[in-house]
Amino acid sequence: MNRLNLQKLSDKELSELMQNIDAELRRRNLETERKNAPKESDVSNGIIYRNPNDPWQVWRPGRGRRPNWVNEWLDSGRTLDELEDRETK
């Protein structure tokens, strides 16, 4: 590793060095977050919600926004637990 004598650097050089260090740290943090992010398959834990009025309509959490039929179900005072398809587990 190269040793840098910070005392010999000008204010401008120190400022550029700080900017480069900051950019590199942000890049590394983003890379670490991407590596540690849950995989798409991990997000839903295999849970599938099925529309009781149309069994062909299903929703897997973590895969796109919540469908209208789920929102309507919840707005009517019902719960997601009632929509869970327990046969697919």
Protein backbone atom coordinates (compact mmCIF):
# COMPACT_ATOMS: atom_id res chain seq x y z
CA MET A 1 0.00 0.00 0.00
CA ASN A 2 1.33 3.41 -0.95
CA ARG A 3 2.04 5.80 1.85
CA LEU A 4 0.79 9.32 1.24
CA ASN A 5 2.29 12.31 2.96
CA LEU A 6 -0.85 14.37 3.52
CA GLN A 7 1.11 17.31 4.87
CA LYS A 8 2.78 17.84 1.49
CA LEU A 9 -0.55 18.00 -0.40
CA SER A 10 -2.14 21.32 -1.28
CA ASP A 11 -5.67 22.15 -0.14
CA LYS A 12 -6.94 21.45 -3.65
CA GLU A 13 -5.21 18.05 -3.77
CA LEU A 14 -6.58 17.13 -0.34
CA SER A 15 -10.07 18.14 -1.41
CA GLU A 16 -9.83 16.00 -4.57
CA LEU A 17 -8.51 13.10 -2.53
CA MET A 18 -11.46 13.39 -0.11
CA GLN A 19 -13.91 13.43 -3.02
CA ASN A 20 -12.30 10.34 -4.54
CA ILE A 21 -12.38 8.52 -1.20
CA ASP A 22 -16.02 9.47 -0.66
CA ALA A 23 -16.99 8.24 -4.14
CA GLU A 24 -15.14 4.96 -3.64
CA LEU A 25 -16.80 4.37 -0.25
CA ARG A 26 -20.25 5.00 -1.74
CA ARG A 27 -19.50 2.58 -4.58
CA ARG A 28 -18.36 -0.10 -2.14
CA ASN A 29 -21.39 0.42 0.09
CA LEU A 30 -23.75 0.05 -2.88
CA GLU A 31 -21.94 -3.10 -3.95
CA THR A 32 -22.26 -4.56 -0.44
CA GLU A 33 -25.96 -3.67 -0.29
CA ARG A 34 -26.57 -5.40 -3.62
CA LYS A 35 -24.76 -8.52 -2.47
CA ASN A 36 -26.70 -8.62 0.81
CA ALA A 37 -30.10 -7.73 -0.66
CA PRO A 38 -32.67 -10.52 -0.43
CA LYS A 39 -33.15 -12.41 -3.67
CA GLU A 40 -36.49 -12.00 -5.36
CA SER A 41 -37.41 -15.56 -4.45
CA ASP A 42 -36.68 -14.83 -0.77
CA VAL A 43 -39.00 -11.84 -0.58
CA SER A 44 -42.31 -13.69 -0.73
CA ASN A 45 -41.17 -16.81 1.18
CA GLY A 46 -43.29 -18.82 -1.23
CA ILE A 47 -46.55 -17.20 -0.11
CA ILE A 48 -49.20 -16.96 -2.82
CA TYR A 49 -52.46 -15.07 -2.49
CA ARG A 50 -55.36 -16.25 -4.64
CA ASN A 51 -58.46 -14.30 -5.63
CA PRO A 52 -61.46 -16.22 -4.22
CA ASN A 53 -63.70 -14.80 -6.99
CA ASP A 54 -61.31 -15.86 -9.76
CA PRO A 55 -58.89 -18.62 -8.72
CA TRP A 56 -56.72 -18.00 -11.80
CA GLN A 57 -55.68 -14.64 -10.37
CA VAL A 58 -52.74 -14.98 -7.98
CA TRP A 59 -50.31 -12.55 -6.40
CA ARG A 60 -46.85 -13.25 -5.03
CA PRO A 61 -45.62 -10.49 -2.69
CA GLY A 62 -42.38 -8.92 -3.80
CA ARG A 63 -43.22 -9.34 -7.48
CA GLY A 64 -44.71 -6.06 -8.62
CA ARG A 65 -47.31 -3.85 -7.04
CA ARG A 66 -50.33 -5.19 -5.23
CA PRO A 67 -53.20 -6.03 -7.65
CA ASN A 68 -56.50 -4.15 -7.49
CA TRP A 69 -58.41 -7.24 -6.37
CA VAL A 70 -56.14 -7.47 -3.28
CA ASN A 71 -56.61 -3.77 -2.51
CA GLU A 72 -60.40 -4.11 -2.86
CA TRP A 73 -60.33 -7.14 -0.56
CA LEU A 74 -58.36 -5.23 2.10
CA ASP A 75 -60.56 -2.12 1.72
CA SER A 76 -63.60 -4.26 2.49
CA GLY A 77 -62.13 -5.02 5.92
CA ARG A 78 -60.79 -8.49 5.12
CA THR A 79 -57.23 -9.70 5.74
CA LEU A 80 -54.46 -11.08 3.56
CA ASP A 81 -54.46 -14.26 5.63
CA GLU A 82 -57.86 -15.08 4.18
CA LEU A 83 -56.42 -14.92 0.64
CA GLU A 84 -53.38 -17.06 1.33
CA ASP A 85 -53.27 -20.17 -0.81
CA ARG A 86 -52.25 -22.78 1.74
CA GLU A 87 -52.35 -25.65 -0.77
CA THR A 88 -49.26 -24.37 -2.62
CA LYS A 89 -46.98 -24.56 0.43
